[in-house]
Amino acid sequence: MFDNLTERLARTVREMRGLGRLTEDNIKDALREVRMALLEADVSLPVVRQLVDQVKERAMGQEVMKSLTPGQAFIKIVQDTLVEIMGEANEELALNAAPPAVVLMAGLQGSGKTTTVAKLSRWLKERKKKTVMVVSCDIYRPAAIDQLETLAVEVGVSFFPSNPQQDPIDIVKAALDHARKQFIDVVIVDTAGRLHIDEEMMAEIKRLHAAIKPIETLFVVDSMTGQDAANTAKAFNEALPLTGIILTKTDGDARGGAALSIRQITGKPIKFLGVGEKTTALEPFHPDRLASRILGMGDVLSLVEQAEQAIDRGEAEKLALKMKKGKGFDLEDFRTQLQQMGKMGGVASLMDKLPGAGALSKEAKGQVNDKEFNRLQAIISSMTMHERRNPDIIKGSRKRRIAVGSGVEVQDVNRLLKQFAQMQKMMKQFQKGGMAKMMRSLKGRMPPGMSPF
């Protein structure tokens, strides 16, 4: 997400950082770049105008013009203004009601609503320790109810059965009655996808809303529709009292205009981002963290939170103890690390949050992808445990067997072993307490903006 915007803004940021003083001319040049970058990212024109005007007004202030580091002061202004426009801080779901708290999901056809119901259920269950029940009122789309049931089983939450012959109001009333008897904390109601111009369908969801009085009414919208996402959200907000928005498919959206436009156009907060197809791929929306990512500064806080959720603490402690005792880092350890990375959303998700990753070229980013990491795992999995623990024994015939077993060429096995040997060398330096040495050895090999110093 934001690949193009980050690339453009990161370049402007680098140029501004080196300035000894700010003048009206160089501020004007920088703002022209910012404006073009935002328009290319499909941010709506009124939002672009507002952001640029706010940045210009603040940047022309005496405090900034006379600052010892005017370039950095300018960057801070851009960051603060982005945060303001996207909504200051993360707005959590308001679930402080007598159980069951009802969450009504609305959205267009094909926006990823049913999958988002499953993602949100999982998030509430794992992060908030809530008991969750899901129910489908979509009596129109073939297999919509079956799809939700399958997803509910996958994420481990309760499912209330319904069928296409029932009236949506009857379905939801029966579901809520069941939830009260079972002491369920949260009920998530999946509704039929509709077009905002379809008066009959809009009337149905209004009746549903009036019947269940949800504590949260969330609008699910596809971020890849750009400005249209913001305009559609606005139209729905005029029909329904929305409390928040969930942006889906943000991992496939290189522009990111919707995230920057929605809050300003609708007045409603973005509460979550859908960042992939898996049911774990849902992130709370933090405007300050996203502004950092847009400016190529990364998002270390989200990275830490992801690690806390995904990394097996026992495995991490086992590896730390092994290294402490002076035992070598082997291919089995390497495979475990690759698996942990996969649990954290894969390489693309991690790269997006690393400081300085915005400065990487598209070619460099293309070389580090989940497909390549999956291939590495496949090669290691084709080895015997004895080979993983003793990589030095992997010679000619063993390499050929491993290549055949993992569906790759012998050259790919050689490449993996070479990469592993380099990593092993680094781990040895780290083992001897040579963190500074290891960082020095990395310096110069890292891309601009990602130097450890």
Protein backbone atom coordinates (compact mmCIF):
# COMPACT_ATOMS: atom_id res chain seq x y z
CA MET A 1 0.00 0.00 0.00
CA PHE A 2 1.11 3.57 -0.75
CA ASP A 3 4.10 2.33 -2.81
CA ASN A 4 3.90 5.14 -5.38
CA LEU A 5 3.04 7.85 -2.85
CA THR A 6 5.82 6.77 -0.47
CA GLU A 7 8.36 6.74 -3.27
CA ARG A 8 7.48 10.30 -4.34
CA LEU A 9 7.22 11.72 -0.82
CA ALA A 10 10.36 9.93 0.42
CA ARG A 11 12.31 11.63 -2.40
CA THR A 12 10.88 15.06 -1.43
CA VAL A 13 11.65 14.36 2.24
CA ARG A 14 15.30 13.51 1.43
CA GLU A 15 15.71 16.72 -0.56
CA MET A 16 14.14 18.86 2.19
CA ARG A 17 16.18 17.22 4.96
CA GLY A 18 19.42 18.50 3.44
CA LEU A 19 18.32 22.14 3.23
CA GLY A 20 20.18 24.64 5.38
CA ARG A 21 17.22 27.05 5.40
CA LEU A 22 13.68 27.22 4.15
CA THR A 23 12.60 29.85 1.67
CA GLU A 24 9.26 30.58 0.05
CA ASP A 25 10.62 29.13 -3.20
CA ASN A 26 11.85 25.78 -1.89
CA ILE A 27 8.65 25.32 0.18
CA LYS A 28 6.64 26.01 -2.98
CA ASP A 29 8.69 23.42 -4.93
CA ALA A 30 8.27 20.81 -2.19
CA LEU A 31 4.52 21.43 -1.97
CA ARG A 32 4.19 21.06 -5.74
CA GLU A 33 5.76 17.60 -5.40
CA VAL A 34 3.48 16.75 -2.46
CA ARG A 35 0.40 17.88 -4.43
CA MET A 36 1.34 15.82 -7.49
CA ALA A 37 2.12 12.76 -5.35
CA LEU A 38 -1.28 12.96 -3.61
CA LEU A 39 -3.23 13.44 -6.85
CA GLU A 40 -1.42 10.48 -8.45
CA ALA A 41 -2.35 8.42 -5.35
CA ASP A 42 -6.02 9.18 -6.19
CA VAL A 43 -6.61 11.34 -3.12
CA SER A 44 -9.70 13.51 -3.67
CA LEU A 45 -9.00 17.07 -4.83
CA PRO A 46 -10.63 18.87 -1.83
CA VAL A 47 -8.50 16.79 0.56
CA VAL A 48 -5.32 17.52 -1.45
CA ARG A 49 -6.08 21.27 -1.37
CA GLN A 50 -6.74 21.24 2.35
CA LEU A 51 -3.56 19.30 3.16
CA VAL A 52 -1.33 21.46 0.96
CA ASP A 53 -2.85 24.72 2.32
CA GLN A 54 -2.38 23.59 5.94
CA VAL A 55 1.24 22.55 5.34
CA LYS A 56 2.01 25.83 3.53
CA GLU A 57 0.51 27.97 6.30
CA ARG A 58 2.48 26.17 9.03
CA ALA A 59 5.72 25.92 7.05
CA MET A 60 5.75 29.68 6.45
CA GLY A 61 5.64 30.31 10.21
CA GLN A 62 8.62 32.06 11.83
CA GLU A 63 9.31 29.12 14.15
CA VAL A 64 9.98 26.83 11.17
CA MET A 65 11.78 29.38 8.98
CA LYS A 66 14.26 30.12 11.78
CA SER A 67 14.62 26.50 12.91
CA LEU A 68 18.12 25.00 13.10
CA THR A 69 16.85 22.01 11.12
CA PRO A 70 14.22 23.55 8.81
CA GLY A 71 14.04 20.49 6.52
CA GLN A 72 13.15 18.23 9.42
CA ALA A 73 10.66 20.78 10.72
CA PHE A 74 8.93 20.74 7.32
CA ILE A 75 8.74 16.93 7.34
CA LYS A 76 7.19 17.03 10.83
CA ILE A 77 4.54 19.45 9.56
CA VAL A 78 3.67 17.14 6.63
CA GLN A 79 3.45 14.18 9.03
CA ASP A 80 1.24 16.02 11.56
CA THR A 81 -1.08 17.26 8.79
CA LEU A 82 -1.45 13.75 7.34
CA VAL A 83 -2.36 12.48 10.83
CA GLU A 84 -4.96 15.26 11.29
CA ILE A 85 -6.60 14.50 7.97
CA MET A 86 -6.75 10.75 8.66
CA GLY A 87 -8.16 11.18 12.16
CA GLU A 88 -5.59 11.84 14.93
CA ALA A 89 -5.70 8.44 16.70
CA ASN A 90 -7.03 4.91 16.43
CA GLU A 91 -10.72 4.73 17.37
CA GLU A 92 -11.50 1.39 18.98
CA LEU A 93 -14.77 -0.46 18.67
CA ALA A 94 -17.26 0.69 21.30
CA LEU A 95 -18.13 -2.65 22.88
CA ASN A 96 -18.92 -1.35 26.36
CA ALA A 97 -22.60 -2.31 26.16
CA ALA A 98 -24.63 -4.97 27.92
CA PRO A 99 -23.81 -8.20 26.06
CA PRO A 100 -24.32 -9.11 23.37
CA ALA A 101 -22.80 -6.02 21.72
CA VAL A 102 -24.11 -6.00 18.14
CA VAL A 103 -21.89 -5.08 15.17
CA LEU A 104 -23.71 -4.57 11.86
CA MET A 105 -21.60 -4.90 8.70
CA ALA A 106 -22.67 -3.07 5.53
CA GLY A 107 -21.02 -2.69 2.15
CA LEU A 108 -21.19 -3.01 -1.61
CA GLN A 109 -21.23 -6.31 -3.46
CA GLY A 110 -17.71 -7.71 -3.80
CA SER A 111 -16.11 -5.46 -1.17
CA GLY A 112 -14.93 -8.47 0.89
CA LYS A 113 -17.54 -8.08 3.61
CA THR A 114 -18.07 -11.75 4.57
CA THR A 115 -14.32 -12.38 4.78
CA THR A 116 -13.98 -9.22 6.88
CA VAL A 117 -16.65 -10.55 9.29
CA ALA A 118 -14.41 -13.61 9.84
CA LYS A 119 -11.27 -11.47 10.25
CA LEU A 120 -12.97 -9.19 12.77
CA SER A 121 -14.36 -12.22 14.67
CA ARG A 122 -10.87 -13.67 14.94
CA TRP A 123 -9.40 -10.32 16.01
CA LEU A 124 -12.02 -9.90 18.77
CA LYS A 125 -11.53 -13.47 19.95
CA GLU A 126 -7.70 -13.42 20.00
CA ARG A 127 -6.90 -9.79 20.86
CA LYS A 128 -9.88 -8.79 23.01
CA LYS A 129 -10.67 -12.25 24.44
CA LYS A 130 -14.36 -11.94 23.51
CA THR A 131 -16.80 -14.73 22.77
CA VAL A 132 -18.14 -14.05 19.28
CA MET A 133 -21.10 -15.28 17.26
CA VAL A 134 -21.64 -14.53 13.56
CA VAL A 135 -24.90 -14.63 11.61
CA SER A 136 -25.65 -14.08 7.92
CA CYS A 137 -28.69 -12.12 6.74
CA ASP A 138 -27.58 -12.40 3.11
CA ILE A 139 -30.49 -14.36 1.63
CA TYR A 140 -29.70 -13.30 -1.95
CA ARG A 141 -26.15 -14.38 -2.83
CA PRO A 142 -25.85 -18.12 -3.49
CA ALA A 143 -23.81 -19.89 -0.80
CA ALA A 144 -23.25 -16.67 1.21
CA ILE A 145 -24.53 -18.36 4.38
CA ASP A 146 -22.40 -21.47 3.75
CA GLN A 147 -19.33 -19.30 3.17
CA LEU A 148 -19.77 -17.59 6.53
CA GLU A 149 -20.29 -20.93 8.28
CA THR A 150 -17.04 -22.30 6.77
CA LEU A 151 -15.13 -19.18 7.86
CA ALA A 152 -16.64 -19.31 11.37
CA VAL A 153 -15.35 -22.88 11.77
CA GLU A 154 -11.91 -21.79 10.50
CA VAL A 155 -11.55 -18.94 13.01
CA GLY A 156 -13.20 -20.85 15.87
CA VAL A 157 -16.27 -18.69 16.62
CA SER A 158 -19.96 -19.56 16.97
CA PHE A 159 -22.19 -19.56 13.89
CA PHE A 160 -25.96 -19.03 14.00
CA PRO A 161 -27.65 -20.94 11.13
CA SER A 162 -30.04 -19.24 8.72
CA ASN A 163 -31.52 -20.03 5.30
CA PRO A 164 -32.52 -18.05 2.17
CA GLN A 165 -36.24 -18.61 2.80
CA GLN A 166 -36.17 -16.58 6.05
CA ASP A 167 -36.73 -12.86 6.44
CA PRO A 168 -33.50 -11.00 7.49
CA ILE A 169 -35.29 -9.37 10.47
CA ASP A 170 -36.47 -12.76 11.77
CA ILE A 171 -32.95 -14.21 11.34
CA VAL A 172 -31.26 -11.48 13.34
CA LYS A 173 -33.87 -11.43 16.14
CA ALA A 174 -33.54 -15.19 16.61
CA ALA A 175 -29.73 -14.87 16.58
CA LEU A 176 -29.75 -12.20 19.30
CA ASP A 177 -32.13 -14.23 21.45
CA HIS A 178 -29.79 -17.25 21.15
CA ALA A 179 -26.72 -15.09 21.92
CA ARG A 180 -28.29 -13.79 25.16
CA LYS A 181 -29.03 -17.33 26.34
CA GLN A 182 -25.46 -18.42 25.51
CA PHE A 183 -23.86 -15.33 27.17
CA ILE A 184 -22.10 -14.31 23.93
CA ASP A 185 -20.11 -11.04 24.18
CA VAL A 186 -20.33 -9.86 20.55
CA VAL A 187 -22.67 -10.70 17.67
CA ILE A 188 -21.50 -9.73 14.18
CA VAL A 189 -24.29 -9.46 11.59
CA ASP A 190 -23.29 -9.99 7.96
CA THR A 191 -25.70 -8.33 5.51
CA ALA A 192 -26.25 -8.67 1.76
CA GLY A 193 -23.98 -6.60 -0.48
CA ARG A 194 -25.94 -3.78 -2.01
CA LEU A 195 -25.59 -0.79 -4.30
CA HIS A 196 -26.27 2.55 -2.65
CA ILE A 197 -28.61 3.37 -5.56
CA ASP A 198 -30.73 0.26 -4.87
CA GLU A 199 -33.56 1.79 -2.83
CA GLU A 200 -35.21 -1.51 -1.92
CA MET A 201 -31.98 -3.01 -0.52
CA MET A 202 -31.13 0.21 1.33
CA ALA A 203 -34.62 0.18 2.88
CA GLU A 204 -33.98 -3.41 4.06
CA ILE A 205 -30.72 -2.56 5.85
CA LYS A 206 -32.40 0.49 7.46
CA ARG A 207 -35.10 -1.84 8.84
CA LEU A 208 -32.41 -4.22 10.09
CA HIS A 209 -30.60 -1.37 11.81
CA ALA A 210 -33.80 -0.15 13.49
CA ALA A 211 -34.63 -3.70 14.65
CA ILE A 212 -31.29 -4.53 16.30
CA LYS A 213 -29.92 -1.06 17.24
CA PRO A 214 -26.25 -2.05 16.78
CA ILE A 215 -23.57 -0.44 18.92
CA GLU A 216 -21.31 -0.39 15.83
CA THR A 217 -22.35 -0.02 12.18
CA LEU A 218 -19.26 -0.60 10.06
CA PHE A 219 -19.03 0.09 6.34
CA VAL A 220 -16.71 -2.28 4.47
CA VAL A 221 -15.20 -0.76 1.33
CA ASP A 222 -12.61 -1.84 -1.24
CA SER A 223 -9.65 0.57 -1.05
CA MET A 224 -8.71 -0.18 -4.67
CA THR A 225 -11.70 1.85 -5.86
CA GLY A 226 -9.80 4.97 -4.75
CA GLN A 227 -11.87 8.17 -4.61
CA ASP A 228 -15.01 6.15 -5.33
CA ALA A 229 -14.50 4.38 -1.98
CA ALA A 230 -14.80 7.71 -0.16
CA ASN A 231 -17.82 8.80 -2.20
CA THR A 232 -19.60 5.45 -1.67
CA ALA A 233 -18.94 5.63 2.07
CA LYS A 234 -20.44 9.12 2.10
CA ALA A 235 -23.59 7.91 0.30
CA PHE A 236 -24.02 5.03 2.78
CA ASN A 237 -23.42 7.37 5.71
CA GLU A 238 -26.33 9.53 4.54
CA ALA A 239 -28.59 6.46 4.61
CA LEU A 240 -27.23 4.74 7.74
CA PRO A 241 -25.68 6.14 10.93
CA LEU A 242 -22.22 4.62 10.34
CA THR A 243 -19.80 4.49 13.27
CA GLY A 244 -16.72 3.52 11.30
CA ILE A 245 -15.14 2.14 8.14
CA ILE A 246 -13.06 -0.93 7.32
CA LEU A 247 -10.84 -0.57 4.25
CA THR A 248 -10.23 -3.91 2.52
CA LYS A 249 -7.64 -5.06 -0.05
CA THR A 250 -5.12 -2.43 1.04
CA ASP A 251 -2.28 -4.86 0.29
CA GLY A 252 -3.15 -4.65 -3.40
CA ASP A 253 -3.65 -0.88 -3.44
CA ALA A 254 -0.43 0.83 -4.52
CA ARG A 255 -2.03 4.30 -4.42
CA GLY A 256 -3.78 4.52 -1.05
CA GLY A 257 -5.98 7.51 -1.91
CA ALA A 258 -9.01 6.07 -0.11
CA ALA A 259 -7.25 5.95 3.27
CA LEU A 260 -6.36 9.64 2.98
CA SER A 261 -9.76 10.79 1.70
CA ILE A 262 -12.40 8.85 3.65
CA ARG A 263 -12.20 10.52 7.06
CA GLN A 264 -12.34 14.01 5.57
CA ILE A 265 -15.19 13.25 3.17
CA THR A 266 -17.41 11.17 5.49
CA GLY A 267 -16.42 12.46 8.92
CA LYS A 268 -16.27 8.80 10.02
CA PRO A 269 -13.11 7.09 11.30
CA ILE A 270 -11.36 4.22 9.54
CA LYS A 271 -11.20 1.56 12.26
CA PHE A 272 -9.44 -1.33 10.49
CA LEU A 273 -7.40 -2.15 7.38
CA GLY A 274 -7.68 -5.47 5.56
CA VAL A 275 -4.08 -6.28 4.61
CA GLY A 276 -4.33 -9.69 2.92
CA GLU A 277 -6.50 -12.71 2.20
CA LYS A 278 -5.82 -14.69 5.39
CA THR A 279 -8.22 -14.40 8.33
CA THR A 280 -5.33 -12.99 10.39
CA ALA A 281 -4.83 -10.10 7.91
CA LEU A 282 -6.67 -7.33 9.76
CA GLU A 283 -4.93 -4.38 11.43
CA PRO A 284 -6.35 -1.57 13.59
CA PHE A 285 -5.99 1.74 11.73
CA HIS A 286 -3.49 4.08 13.41
CA PRO A 287 -3.26 7.42 11.51
CA ASP A 288 0.08 8.38 13.12
CA ARG A 289 1.70 5.05 12.22
CA LEU A 290 0.34 5.17 8.68
CA ALA A 291 1.65 8.72 8.21
CA SER A 292 5.11 7.44 9.17
CA ARG A 293 4.83 4.65 6.61
CA ILE A 294 3.69 7.06 3.90
CA LEU A 295 6.78 9.19 4.53
CA GLY A 296 9.06 6.14 4.38
CA MET A 297 9.81 6.18 8.12
CA GLY A 298 8.35 2.75 8.78
CA ASP A 299 6.00 1.57 11.51
CA VAL A 300 8.03 -0.14 14.20
CA LEU A 301 5.19 -0.17 16.77
CA SER A 302 2.92 -2.25 14.52
CA LEU A 303 5.87 -4.51 13.74
CA VAL A 304 6.44 -5.13 17.47
CA GLU A 305 2.72 -5.82 18.02
CA GLN A 306 2.71 -8.28 15.11
CA ALA A 307 5.75 -10.03 16.52
CA GLU A 308 4.16 -10.32 19.97
CA GLN A 309 1.08 -11.95 18.46
CA ALA A 310 2.77 -14.22 15.94
CA ILE A 311 6.14 -15.29 17.32
CA ASP A 312 6.29 -18.45 19.36
CA ARG A 313 7.91 -17.28 22.60
CA GLY A 314 9.06 -20.80 23.47
CA GLU A 315 10.84 -21.19 20.12
CA ALA A 316 12.50 -17.77 20.46
CA GLU A 317 13.74 -18.57 23.99
CA LYS A 318 15.01 -21.98 22.83
CA LEU A 319 17.05 -20.35 20.05
CA ALA A 320 18.40 -17.67 22.42
CA LEU A 321 19.48 -20.34 24.92
CA LYS A 322 21.08 -22.41 22.17
CA MET A 323 23.09 -19.40 20.94
CA LYS A 324 24.09 -18.56 24.51
CA LYS A 325 25.51 -22.07 25.00
CA GLY A 326 27.65 -21.59 21.90
CA LYS A 327 25.79 -24.05 19.71
CA GLY A 328 25.63 -23.11 16.04
CA PHE A 329 22.68 -21.69 14.12
CA ASP A 330 21.54 -24.48 11.75
CA LEU A 331 19.09 -24.91 8.87
CA GLU A 332 16.33 -26.13 11.18
CA ASP A 333 16.63 -22.83 13.10
CA PHE A 334 16.60 -20.97 9.79
CA ARG A 335 13.38 -22.76 8.74
CA THR A 336 11.74 -21.88 12.07
CA GLN A 337 12.62 -18.20 11.53
CA LEU A 338 11.10 -18.29 8.02
CA GLN A 339 7.90 -19.84 9.43
CA GLN A 340 7.67 -17.15 12.13
CA MET A 341 8.05 -14.48 9.44
CA GLY A 342 5.18 -16.05 7.51
CA LYS A 343 2.99 -15.86 10.61
CA MET A 344 3.73 -12.13 10.81
CA GLY A 345 2.08 -11.55 7.46
CA GLY A 346 4.95 -12.39 5.14
CA VAL A 347 7.85 -10.39 3.79
CA ALA A 348 5.78 -7.76 1.94
CA SER A 349 3.90 -6.87 5.14
CA LEU A 350 7.15 -6.57 7.13
CA MET A 351 8.95 -4.54 4.44
CA ASP A 352 6.09 -2.06 4.44
CA LYS A 353 6.75 -1.30 8.10
CA LEU A 354 10.57 -1.16 8.10
CA PRO A 355 12.10 2.32 8.37
CA GLY A 356 13.79 3.27 5.09
CA ALA A 357 12.00 0.59 3.05
CA GLY A 358 10.31 3.35 1.06
CA ALA A 359 13.72 4.29 -0.35
CA LEU A 360 14.18 0.84 -1.91
CA SER A 361 13.70 0.56 -5.65
CA LYS A 362 10.87 -1.57 -7.03
CA GLU A 363 13.50 -3.98 -8.37
CA ALA A 364 15.02 -4.42 -4.89
CA LYS A 365 11.56 -4.97 -3.35
CA GLY A 366 10.76 -7.46 -6.09
CA GLN A 367 13.76 -9.60 -5.12
CA VAL A 368 12.46 -9.99 -1.57
CA ASN A 369 9.09 -11.67 -1.85
CA ASP A 370 7.00 -14.34 -0.16
CA LYS A 371 7.32 -16.69 -3.15
CA GLU A 372 11.10 -16.78 -2.71
CA PHE A 373 10.76 -17.40 1.05
CA ASN A 374 8.29 -20.24 0.40
CA ARG A 375 10.81 -21.76 -2.00
CA LEU A 376 13.52 -21.61 0.69
CA GLN A 377 11.21 -23.37 3.14
CA ALA A 378 10.42 -26.05 0.56
CA ILE A 379 14.12 -26.74 -0.03
CA ILE A 380 14.88 -27.02 3.72
CA SER A 381 11.80 -29.25 4.24
CA SER A 382 13.17 -31.65 1.59
CA MET A 383 16.26 -32.26 3.73
CA THR A 384 16.51 -34.88 6.46
CA MET A 385 16.77 -33.64 10.05
CA HIS A 386 20.40 -34.86 10.08
CA GLU A 387 21.14 -32.65 7.02
CA ARG A 388 19.43 -29.62 8.57
CA ARG A 389 21.47 -30.01 11.75
CA ASN A 390 24.72 -30.62 9.79
CA PRO A 391 24.58 -28.55 6.56
CA ASP A 392 28.27 -29.31 5.79
CA ILE A 393 27.38 -32.87 4.75
CA ILE A 394 25.13 -31.66 1.90
CA LYS A 395 27.19 -32.51 -1.19
CA GLY A 396 26.50 -33.64 -4.80
CA SER A 397 24.05 -36.56 -4.54
CA ARG A 398 22.27 -35.07 -1.51
CA LYS A 399 21.86 -31.74 -3.34
CA ARG A 400 20.32 -33.52 -6.35
CA ARG A 401 17.86 -35.42 -4.12
CA ILE A 402 16.87 -32.24 -2.26
CA ALA A 403 16.37 -30.35 -5.57
CA VAL A 404 14.11 -33.08 -6.95
CA GLY A 405 12.18 -33.28 -3.66
CA SER A 406 11.46 -29.54 -3.58
CA GLY A 407 10.90 -29.08 -7.32
CA VAL A 408 13.88 -26.76 -7.87
CA GLU A 409 17.27 -26.83 -9.61
CA VAL A 410 20.55 -27.80 -7.91
CA GLN A 411 21.66 -24.16 -8.39
CA ASP A 412 18.77 -23.08 -6.13
CA VAL A 413 19.98 -25.46 -3.41
CA ASN A 414 23.52 -24.06 -3.81
CA ARG A 415 22.18 -20.51 -3.53
CA LEU A 416 20.31 -21.35 -0.31
CA LEU A 417 23.41 -22.94 1.23
CA LYS A 418 25.49 -19.90 0.30
CA GLN A 419 22.94 -17.50 1.84
CA PHE A 420 22.77 -19.68 4.94
CA ALA A 421 26.58 -19.72 5.28
CA GLN A 422 26.58 -15.88 5.26
CA MET A 423 23.82 -15.81 7.87
CA GLN A 424 25.69 -18.35 10.02
CA LYS A 425 28.78 -16.13 9.89
CA MET A 426 26.73 -13.14 11.05
CA MET A 427 25.18 -15.16 13.87
CA LYS A 428 28.67 -16.20 15.06
CA GLN A 429 29.68 -12.53 15.29
CA PHE A 430 26.50 -11.82 17.20
CA GLN A 431 27.22 -14.80 19.50
CA LYS A 432 30.61 -13.35 20.44
CA GLY A 433 28.92 -10.12 21.49
CA GLY A 434 29.99 -8.45 18.32
CA MET A 435 26.75 -6.60 17.53
CA ALA A 436 28.70 -3.46 16.60
CA LYS A 437 30.98 -5.56 14.34
CA MET A 438 27.96 -7.16 12.72
CA MET A 439 26.39 -3.75 12.08
CA ARG A 440 29.66 -2.47 10.61
CA SER A 441 29.79 -5.48 8.29
CA LEU A 442 26.26 -4.66 7.13
CA LYS A 443 27.02 -0.99 6.55
CA GLY A 444 27.60 -0.23 2.91
CA ARG A 445 25.69 -3.33 1.80
CA MET A 446 22.35 -1.90 2.86
CA PRO A 447 20.25 0.28 0.56
CA PRO A 448 20.07 4.06 1.15
CA GLY A 449 17.86 4.95 4.08
CA MET A 450 18.34 1.54 5.73
CA SER A 451 21.84 2.01 7.11
CA PRO A 452 22.12 0.84 10.73
CA PHE A 453 23.96 4.08 11.63
